[in-house]
N, C-alpha and C. Protein backbone atom coordinates (compact mmCIF):
# COMPACT_ATOMS: atom_id res chain seq x y z
N UNK A 1 16.40 8.55 -7.30
CA UNK A 1 15.25 8.26 -8.80
C UNK A 1 14.53 6.98 -8.18
N UNK A 2 13.25 7.00 -8.40
CA UNK A 2 12.37 6.03 -7.68
C UNK A 2 12.45 4.97 -9.04
N UNK A 3 12.30 3.73 -8.67
CA UNK A 3 12.29 2.58 -9.30
C UNK A 3 10.71 2.21 -9.67
N UNK A 4 10.53 1.60 -10.99
CA UNK A 4 9.28 1.62 -11.20
C UNK A 4 8.60 0.52 -10.58
N UNK A 5 9.18 -0.42 -9.56
CA UNK A 5 8.31 -1.03 -8.74
C UNK A 5 7.55 0.02 -7.61
N UNK A 6 8.51 0.95 -7.21
CA UNK A 6 7.97 1.86 -6.12
C UNK A 6 6.68 2.72 -7.00
N UNK A 7 6.74 2.95 -8.28
CA UNK A 7 5.82 3.91 -8.82
C UNK A 7 4.55 2.76 -8.88
N UNK A 8 4.62 1.62 -9.27
CA UNK A 8 3.62 0.57 -9.51
C UNK A 8 3.17 0.68 -8.15
N UNK A 9 3.96 0.70 -6.94
CA UNK A 9 3.31 0.43 -5.63
C UNK A 9 2.31 1.48 -5.38
N UNK A 10 3.06 2.69 -5.61
CA UNK A 10 2.11 3.91 -5.47
C UNK A 10 0.87 4.13 -6.49
N UNK A 11 0.66 3.34 -7.61
CA UNK A 11 -0.52 3.52 -8.15
C UNK A 11 -1.40 2.32 -7.78
N UNK A 12 -0.81 1.28 -7.21
CA UNK A 12 -1.74 0.32 -6.64
C UNK A 12 -2.42 0.92 -5.50
N UNK A 13 -1.60 1.43 -4.51
CA UNK A 13 -2.04 2.07 -3.56
C UNK A 13 -3.26 3.09 -3.39
N UNK A 14 -3.11 4.08 -4.37
CA UNK A 14 -3.98 4.93 -4.83
C UNK A 14 -5.24 4.42 -5.38
N UNK A 15 -5.04 3.32 -6.27
CA UNK A 15 -6.38 2.56 -6.58
C UNK A 15 -7.30 1.88 -5.63
N UNK A 16 -6.49 1.50 -4.51
CA UNK A 16 -7.07 0.66 -3.45
C UNK A 16 -7.69 1.51 -2.29
N UNK A 17 -7.39 2.78 -2.46
CA UNK A 17 -7.62 4.06 -1.36
C UNK A 17 -9.07 3.99 -1.11
N UNK A 18 -10.11 3.78 -1.87
CA UNK A 18 -11.32 3.49 -1.37
C UNK A 18 -11.92 2.51 -0.61
N UNK A 19 -11.28 1.24 -0.84
CA UNK A 19 -11.45 -0.03 -0.14
C UNK A 19 -10.82 -0.18 1.36
N UNK A 20 -9.73 1.13 1.48
CA UNK A 20 -9.23 1.16 2.91
C UNK A 20 -9.75 1.88 4.02
N UNK A 21 -9.49 1.89 4.95
CA UNK A 21 -10.00 2.46 6.35
C UNK A 21 -9.02 3.87 6.34
N UNK A 22 -9.38 4.84 6.55
CA UNK A 22 -8.43 5.73 7.02
C UNK A 22 -6.92 5.88 7.51
N UNK A 23 -7.25 4.71 8.58
CA UNK A 23 -6.15 4.48 9.27
C UNK A 23 -4.98 3.21 8.35
N UNK A 24 -5.79 2.52 7.68
CA UNK A 24 -5.08 1.56 6.93
C UNK A 24 -4.40 2.17 6.01
N UNK A 25 -4.86 3.57 5.42
CA UNK A 25 -4.54 3.94 4.17
C UNK A 25 -3.11 4.75 4.63
N UNK A 26 -3.03 5.68 5.84
CA UNK A 26 -2.25 5.95 6.73
C UNK A 26 -0.95 5.53 7.00
N UNK A 27 -1.12 4.20 7.55
CA UNK A 27 -0.01 3.07 7.96
C UNK A 27 0.70 2.72 6.80
N UNK A 28 -0.11 2.19 5.73
CA UNK A 28 0.66 1.57 4.72
C UNK A 28 1.61 2.87 3.62
N UNK A 29 0.74 4.05 3.71
CA UNK A 29 1.77 5.10 3.17
C UNK A 29 2.91 5.42 4.00
N UNK A 30 2.67 5.61 5.16
CA UNK A 30 3.80 5.95 5.89
C UNK A 30 5.18 4.75 5.98
N UNK A 31 4.49 3.86 5.88
CA UNK A 31 5.58 2.73 5.64
C UNK A 31 6.56 2.76 4.29
N UNK A 32 5.66 3.05 3.38
CA UNK A 32 6.34 3.26 1.99
C UNK A 32 7.14 4.67 1.78
N UNK A 33 6.76 5.71 2.64
CA UNK A 33 7.55 7.02 2.66
C UNK A 33 8.58 6.90 3.17
N UNK A 34 8.95 5.90 4.40
CA UNK A 34 9.86 5.64 5.22
C UNK A 34 10.91 4.82 4.44
N UNK A 35 10.34 4.15 3.68
CA UNK A 35 11.34 3.58 2.51
C UNK A 35 11.08 1.85 2.51
N UNK A 36 10.06 1.45 3.11
CA UNK A 36 9.88 0.02 3.63
C UNK A 36 8.89 -0.42 2.60
N UNK A 37 8.95 -0.08 1.28
CA UNK A 37 7.80 -0.30 0.38
C UNK A 37 7.59 -2.17 0.27
N UNK A 38 8.61 -2.61 0.25
CA UNK A 38 8.01 -4.02 0.22
C UNK A 38 7.16 -4.54 1.49
N UNK A 39 7.58 -4.11 2.67
CA UNK A 39 6.56 -4.26 3.66
C UNK A 39 5.17 -3.54 3.39
N UNK A 40 5.27 -2.53 2.96
CA UNK A 40 4.06 -1.71 2.51
C UNK A 40 3.03 -2.59 1.45
N UNK A 41 3.81 -3.10 0.65
CA UNK A 41 3.32 -3.73 -0.34
C UNK A 41 2.48 -5.18 0.31
N UNK A 42 3.00 -5.57 0.99
CA UNK A 42 2.83 -6.99 1.80
C UNK A 42 1.34 -6.88 2.67
N UNK A 43 1.67 -5.66 3.38
CA UNK A 43 0.39 -4.92 4.28
C UNK A 43 -0.92 -4.84 3.45
N UNK A 44 -0.64 -4.18 2.24
CA UNK A 44 -1.77 -3.90 1.38
C UNK A 44 -2.31 -5.16 0.74
N UNK A 45 -1.60 -6.28 0.44
CA UNK A 45 -1.94 -7.26 0.04
C UNK A 45 -2.93 -8.00 1.12
N UNK A 46 -2.17 -8.17 2.19
CA UNK A 46 -2.90 -8.89 3.09
C UNK A 46 -4.23 -8.10 3.57
N UNK A 47 -4.62 -6.82 3.78
CA UNK A 47 -5.80 -6.48 3.80
C UNK A 47 -6.52 -6.47 2.76
N UNK A 48 -6.39 -6.67 1.23
CA UNK A 48 -7.27 -7.10 0.19
C UNK A 48 -7.69 -8.48 0.49
N UNK A 49 -6.54 -9.24 0.91
CA UNK A 49 -6.84 -10.60 0.93
C UNK A 49 -8.09 -10.92 1.95
N UNK A 50 -7.64 -10.09 2.93
CA UNK A 50 -8.85 -10.16 4.08
C UNK A 50 -10.30 -9.69 3.62
N UNK A 51 -10.22 -8.87 2.72
CA UNK A 51 -11.62 -8.25 2.40
C UNK A 51 -12.26 -9.15 1.34
N UNK A 52 -11.57 -10.11 0.73
CA UNK A 52 -12.33 -10.84 -0.15
C UNK A 52 -12.81 -12.03 0.37
N UNK A 53 -12.53 -12.44 1.56
CA UNK A 53 -12.96 -13.53 2.29
C UNK A 53 -14.31 -13.64 2.37
């Protein structure tokens, strides 16, 4: 069963999809699918931080 943090991450990823390149989206999605949600979230936050500079 999925935890609420996983569900929250998928919502965040879906919401930020227009701001990501196709490759960035695929990479982060792939990490999360493999079960490494923590690192995928970290990567997503890093990309978002770079875009706001």
